[in-house]
Protein backbone atom coordinates (compact mmCIF):
# COMPACT_ATOMS: atom_id res chain seq x y z
CA UNK A 1 24.88 1.73 -25.41
CA UNK A 2 25.78 -0.53 -22.50
CA UNK A 3 27.61 -0.15 -19.54
CA UNK A 4 29.30 -3.50 -18.27
CA UNK A 5 27.83 -4.44 -14.88
CA UNK A 6 25.08 -1.39 -15.29
CA UNK A 7 21.19 -3.50 -15.51
CA UNK A 8 18.19 -1.65 -16.21
CA UNK A 9 14.92 -2.32 -13.52
CA UNK A 10 12.22 -1.73 -11.51
CA UNK A 11 12.25 0.08 -9.04
CA UNK A 12 9.19 0.13 -6.28
CA UNK A 13 8.74 3.28 -4.61
CA UNK A 14 5.51 2.41 -2.04
CA UNK A 15 4.57 -0.91 -1.39
CA UNK A 16 1.28 -2.69 -3.17
CA UNK A 17 -1.57 -3.18 -1.00
CA UNK A 18 -4.82 -5.56 -0.97
CA UNK A 19 -6.53 -5.31 1.80
CA UNK A 20 -10.29 -5.57 2.93
CA UNK A 21 -11.77 -2.41 5.41
CA UNK A 22 -14.23 -3.46 8.05
CA UNK A 23 -16.09 -2.25 11.02
CA UNK A 24 -14.17 -3.18 13.63
CA UNK A 25 -17.34 -3.83 15.59
CA UNK A 26 -19.56 -5.58 13.51
CA UNK A 27 -16.83 -6.88 11.01
CA UNK A 28 -19.49 -5.80 7.83
CA UNK A 29 -17.23 -4.02 4.76
CA UNK A 30 -16.95 -0.77 4.54
CA UNK A 31 -17.32 0.86 1.36
CA UNK A 32 -15.59 4.18 0.41
CA UNK A 33 -13.05 3.65 2.85
CA UNK A 34 -10.41 6.01 1.79
CA UNK A 35 -6.32 4.37 1.54
CA UNK A 36 -3.06 6.20 1.32
CA UNK A 37 -0.11 4.07 0.85
CA UNK A 38 3.47 5.27 1.27
CA UNK A 39 7.51 3.63 1.07
CA UNK A 40 8.87 4.36 4.70
CA UNK A 41 11.91 4.85 2.66
CA UNK A 42 10.03 7.87 0.60
CA UNK A 43 7.12 9.58 2.62
CA UNK A 44 7.04 11.87 0.31
CA UNK A 45 5.49 9.20 -2.51
CA UNK A 46 1.97 8.28 -2.05
CA UNK A 47 -0.20 6.12 -3.66
CA UNK A 48 -4.08 6.26 -3.18
CA UNK A 49 -7.06 4.09 -3.53
CA UNK A 50 -10.62 3.32 -2.77
CA UNK A 51 -13.24 0.42 -1.05
CA UNK A 52 -15.41 -1.10 -3.40
CA UNK A 53 -18.88 -2.15 -2.10
CA UNK A 54 -17.38 -5.68 -0.48
CA UNK A 55 -14.61 -2.99 1.57
CA UNK A 56 -12.11 -4.47 -0.73
CA UNK A 57 -8.88 -2.37 -2.79
CA UNK A 58 -5.85 -2.71 -4.50
CA UNK A 59 -3.09 0.36 -3.95
CA UNK A 60 -1.23 -0.61 -7.23
CA UNK A 61 2.55 0.14 -6.56
CA UNK A 62 4.40 3.37 -7.46
CA UNK A 63 7.23 2.17 -10.09
CA UNK A 64 10.16 3.87 -12.02
CA UNK A 65 12.82 2.23 -14.18
CA UNK A 66 16.55 3.08 -12.70
CA UNK A 67 19.82 1.92 -14.27
CA UNK A 68 22.44 0.99 -11.18
CA UNK A 69 25.42 -0.67 -10.49
CA UNK A 70 25.51 -4.02 -9.52
CA UNK A 71 22.98 -6.20 -7.52
CA UNK A 72 19.47 -4.29 -6.12
CA UNK A 73 16.05 -4.61 -4.06
CA UNK A 74 13.06 -5.38 -6.81
CA UNK A 75 10.67 -6.28 -4.11
CA UNK A 76 8.13 -3.95 -3.01
CA UNK A 77 9.63 -1.96 0.21
CA UNK A 78 7.86 -2.08 3.53
CA UNK A 79 5.57 1.25 4.08
CA UNK A 80 2.72 2.65 6.30
CA UNK A 81 -1.35 2.82 5.17
CA UNK A 82 -3.26 5.26 6.27
CA UNK A 83 -7.57 4.32 6.23
CA UNK A 84 -10.26 7.23 6.71
CA UNK A 85 -14.14 6.64 6.50
CA UNK A 86 -16.62 8.91 7.35
CA UNK A 87 -18.02 7.98 11.12
CA UNK A 88 -14.80 6.37 11.93
CA UNK A 89 -11.77 6.94 13.49
CA UNK A 90 -8.46 7.39 11.26
CA UNK A 91 -6.06 4.43 11.14
CA UNK A 92 -2.77 3.52 10.40
CA UNK A 93 -0.56 0.51 9.86
CA UNK A 94 2.51 -0.59 8.61
CA UNK A 95 2.80 -2.72 5.88
CA UNK A 96 4.85 -4.96 3.98
CA UNK A 97 5.42 -7.31 1.18
CA UNK A 98 3.79 -10.48 0.85
CA UNK A 99 2.29 -12.67 -2.53
CA UNK A 100 -1.37 -13.81 -1.56
CA UNK A 101 -1.50 -11.73 1.43
CA UNK A 102 -4.97 -10.01 1.75
CA UNK A 103 -5.23 -8.55 5.52
CA UNK A 104 -7.75 -6.86 7.13
CA UNK A 105 -8.14 -3.65 8.66
CA UNK A 106 -10.83 -2.62 10.77
CA UNK A 107 -11.99 0.48 11.65
CA UNK A 108 -13.40 1.66 15.01
CA UNK A 109 -16.39 3.98 14.80
CA UNK A 110 -15.93 7.38 15.69
CA UNK A 111 -18.16 8.17 19.74
């Protein structure tokens, strides 16, 4: 069954994140840092991940399929990321859609 003007599509609930986590002082990668990503418009939806031995992580976006009338935004929404690791201060930052970008997030050692 189809309805005129109605279309289905994939809706992003959280942005995707590809990043590297490093020590702010030594610039060395931090293994096993924990990452939480949530959308600005849906703070109840959280995607999670952890860094590998090179301090890199890819957190896939959370999505759902929806039917809508008229145009809709198919890009991942902007969001926030929270990074924590043993021996470091918890860090929060803004993230946004950007193909090919791999930002570095530096964690400050706890003293």
